């Protein structure tokens, strides 16, 4: 990706992140984001159609980064993500790194949009792992695992991210169906 595009996207994401700390998602306008990022309206719309699309892009960037090999980390090292457990822990580290933004999103009307995208990516990740439990339909299992993870993340945010990603990962796999717990 062109460096100017990357720089502009970073500015837009940073502006959104700064706004979500102090303003409810429903009250953040595209104009607020443009002003905070110090970019033109047409520049914003070259990258995103709406602020909901921006929120979706935050989820996409997170999941593509984790579930597509490569990339560098500032606070943790998960360059291989060879197991599903490592991928889950990697997600948790990113959420912890961005905890103020995540708390802001989860405390706002953007919560449902964020969780919808989050669930979709998680379900896709579970499907790619080819996890199966005898006598349980794949669609139910995929929904159960994604839903459980999302509820764990919401609980974690409510507890002000007081537990470590390692503990959460361990607990998550302890309560999951046997095939996933053995990964």
Protein backbone atom coordinates (compact mmCIF):
# COMPACT_ATOMS: atom_id res chain seq x y z
CA UNK A 1 0.00 0.00 0.00
CA UNK A 2 1.24 3.49 -0.87
CA UNK A 3 2.83 5.30 2.11
CA UNK A 4 0.47 8.28 1.72
CA UNK A 5 -2.54 5.98 1.91
CA UNK A 6 -1.14 4.27 5.00
CA UNK A 7 -0.38 7.64 6.62
CA UNK A 8 -3.88 8.95 5.90
CA UNK A 9 -5.56 5.79 7.19
CA UNK A 10 -3.49 6.00 10.37
CA UNK A 11 -4.54 9.63 10.82
CA UNK A 12 -8.22 8.72 10.36
CA UNK A 13 -7.96 5.78 12.79
CA UNK A 14 -6.12 7.95 15.33
CA UNK A 15 -8.78 10.66 15.00
CA UNK A 16 -11.56 8.12 15.53
CA UNK A 17 -9.73 6.64 18.52
CA UNK A 18 -9.26 10.09 20.08
CA UNK A 19 -12.93 10.96 19.56
CA UNK A 20 -14.31 7.72 20.99
CA UNK A 21 -12.57 8.52 24.32
CA UNK A 22 -14.58 11.67 24.80
CA UNK A 23 -17.66 11.36 22.59
CA UNK A 24 -20.32 8.70 22.27
CA UNK A 25 -20.14 6.84 18.97
CA UNK A 26 -23.58 8.04 17.88
CA UNK A 27 -22.51 11.66 18.33
CA UNK A 28 -19.29 11.34 16.33
CA UNK A 29 -19.80 12.71 12.86
CA UNK A 30 -17.68 12.30 9.77
CA UNK A 31 -16.98 16.03 10.11
CA UNK A 32 -15.61 15.44 13.63
CA UNK A 33 -13.29 12.77 12.28
CA UNK A 34 -12.19 14.98 9.38
CA UNK A 35 -11.46 17.88 11.73
CA UNK A 36 -9.56 15.68 14.21
CA UNK A 37 -7.52 14.01 11.44
CA UNK A 38 -6.92 17.35 9.69
CA UNK A 39 -7.89 15.99 6.29
CA UNK A 40 -10.39 16.99 3.63
CA UNK A 41 -13.86 15.52 3.29
CA UNK A 42 -13.04 13.94 -0.07
CA UNK A 43 -9.94 12.33 1.46
CA UNK A 44 -12.06 10.67 4.14
CA UNK A 45 -14.53 9.41 1.55
CA UNK A 46 -11.70 8.03 -0.61
CA UNK A 47 -11.02 5.66 2.29
CA UNK A 48 -14.42 5.09 3.96
CA UNK A 49 -18.03 5.57 2.93
CA UNK A 50 -19.29 6.10 6.49
CA UNK A 51 -18.09 6.07 10.09
CA UNK A 52 -19.61 2.56 10.39
CA UNK A 53 -17.36 1.53 7.51
CA UNK A 54 -14.43 3.01 9.46
CA UNK A 55 -15.40 0.91 12.48
CA UNK A 56 -15.64 -2.18 10.27
CA UNK A 57 -12.18 -1.38 8.88
CA UNK A 58 -10.75 -1.33 12.41
CA UNK A 59 -12.06 -4.88 12.88
CA UNK A 60 -10.86 -5.94 9.45
CA UNK A 61 -7.37 -4.61 10.04
CA UNK A 62 -7.19 -6.40 13.39
CA UNK A 63 -8.37 -9.75 12.07
CA UNK A 64 -6.48 -9.68 8.80
CA UNK A 65 -3.35 -8.83 10.72
CA UNK A 66 -3.85 -11.80 13.05
CA UNK A 67 -5.20 -14.41 10.68
CA UNK A 68 -2.95 -13.54 7.74
CA UNK A 69 0.73 -14.36 8.41
CA UNK A 70 3.30 -11.58 8.71
CA UNK A 71 3.50 -8.20 10.34
CA UNK A 72 5.39 -6.74 13.25
CA UNK A 73 4.30 -6.05 16.79
CA UNK A 74 5.04 -3.20 19.14
CA UNK A 75 4.16 -4.89 22.44
CA UNK A 76 4.02 -8.61 21.71
CA UNK A 77 5.42 -11.20 19.31
CA UNK A 78 2.99 -13.43 17.46
CA UNK A 79 4.48 -13.50 14.00
CA UNK A 80 3.63 -17.15 13.34
CA UNK A 81 0.21 -17.68 14.92
CA UNK A 82 0.55 -21.38 14.26
CA UNK A 83 -2.23 -22.50 16.59
CA UNK A 84 -5.75 -21.28 17.13
CA UNK A 85 -4.83 -20.67 20.78
CA UNK A 86 -2.02 -18.32 19.73
CA UNK A 87 -4.41 -16.47 17.43
CA UNK A 88 -6.91 -16.02 20.25
CA UNK A 89 -4.19 -14.71 22.57
CA UNK A 90 -2.97 -12.39 19.80
CA UNK A 91 -6.47 -10.88 19.48
CA UNK A 92 -6.57 -10.36 23.23
CA UNK A 93 -3.22 -8.56 23.21
CA UNK A 94 -4.44 -6.20 20.50
CA UNK A 95 -7.61 -5.52 22.45
CA UNK A 96 -5.52 -4.85 25.56
CA UNK A 97 -3.22 -2.51 23.60
CA UNK A 98 -6.31 -0.62 22.43
CA UNK A 99 -8.31 -1.00 25.65
CA UNK A 100 -9.42 2.64 25.93
CA UNK A 101 -10.81 2.60 22.40
CA UNK A 102 -12.43 -0.81 22.91
CA UNK A 103 -14.05 0.35 26.15
CA UNK A 104 -15.28 3.47 24.37
CA UNK A 105 -16.79 1.45 21.56
CA UNK A 106 -18.37 -1.12 23.90
CA UNK A 107 -19.90 1.65 26.00
CA UNK A 108 -21.50 3.33 23.00
CA UNK A 109 -24.11 2.72 20.33
CA UNK A 110 -21.23 1.47 18.18
CA UNK A 111 -21.10 -1.63 20.36
CA UNK A 112 -23.56 -3.62 18.25
CA UNK A 113 -21.84 -2.72 14.99
CA UNK A 114 -18.41 -3.58 16.40
CA UNK A 115 -19.63 -6.86 17.92
CA UNK A 116 -21.40 -7.81 14.69
CA UNK A 117 -18.16 -7.40 12.71
CA UNK A 118 -16.18 -9.05 15.49
CA UNK A 119 -18.54 -12.06 15.52
CA UNK A 120 -18.36 -12.40 11.75
CA UNK A 121 -14.57 -12.49 11.72
CA UNK A 122 -14.39 -14.86 14.67
CA UNK A 123 -16.88 -17.23 13.08
CA UNK A 124 -14.81 -17.19 9.89
CA UNK A 125 -11.66 -17.90 11.87
CA UNK A 126 -13.33 -20.82 13.66
CA UNK A 127 -14.50 -22.17 10.32
CA UNK A 128 -10.96 -22.00 8.90
CA UNK A 129 -9.66 -23.95 11.89
CA UNK A 130 -11.95 -26.80 10.80
CA UNK A 131 -13.09 -27.47 14.37
CA UNK A 132 -15.67 -30.23 14.66
CA UNK A 133 -17.60 -31.73 17.55
CA UNK A 134 -19.49 -34.94 16.94
CA UNK A 135 -23.28 -34.50 16.81
CA UNK A 136 -23.02 -30.68 16.88
CA UNK A 137 -23.84 -28.81 13.66
CA UNK A 138 -20.91 -26.72 12.42
CA UNK A 139 -23.03 -23.56 12.26
CA UNK A 140 -24.03 -23.97 15.93
CA UNK A 141 -20.45 -24.68 17.03
CA UNK A 142 -19.08 -21.70 15.11
CA UNK A 143 -21.70 -19.40 16.66
CA UNK A 144 -21.13 -20.83 20.14
CA UNK A 145 -17.36 -20.33 20.08
CA UNK A 146 -17.57 -16.83 18.58
CA UNK A 147 -20.34 -15.83 21.01
CA UNK A 148 -18.44 -17.17 24.01
CA UNK A 149 -15.32 -15.29 23.01
CA UNK A 150 -17.24 -12.05 22.51
CA UNK A 151 -18.93 -12.38 25.89
CA UNK A 152 -15.54 -13.02 27.48
CA UNK A 153 -14.14 -9.86 25.87
CA UNK A 154 -17.14 -7.81 27.06
CA UNK A 155 -16.67 -9.19 30.59
CA UNK A 156 -12.96 -8.39 30.39
CA UNK A 157 -13.68 -4.80 29.37
CA UNK A 158 -16.22 -4.48 32.22
CA UNK A 159 -13.45 -5.68 34.58
CA UNK A 160 -11.17 -2.97 33.15
CA UNK A 161 -8.94 -5.54 31.43
CA UNK A 162 -7.63 -6.66 34.81
CA UNK A 163 -6.79 -10.22 33.72
CA UNK A 164 -3.89 -11.11 31.45
CA UNK A 165 -4.42 -12.32 27.88
CA UNK A 166 -2.66 -15.55 28.91
CA UNK A 167 -5.18 -16.21 31.69
CA UNK A 168 -8.14 -15.43 29.46
CA UNK A 169 -6.83 -17.68 26.71
CA UNK A 170 -6.27 -20.53 29.15
CA UNK A 171 -9.74 -20.11 30.69
CA UNK A 172 -11.38 -19.83 27.28
CA UNK A 173 -9.88 -23.10 26.10
CA UNK A 174 -10.67 -24.82 29.40
CA UNK A 175 -14.41 -24.25 28.92
CA UNK A 176 -14.59 -24.89 25.18
CA UNK A 177 -15.62 -28.22 23.62
CA UNK A 178 -12.98 -30.94 23.72
CA UNK A 179 -11.74 -30.62 20.10
CA UNK A 180 -11.00 -26.91 20.51
CA UNK A 181 -9.50 -27.40 23.96
CA UNK A 182 -7.05 -29.92 22.48
CA UNK A 183 -5.76 -27.60 19.76
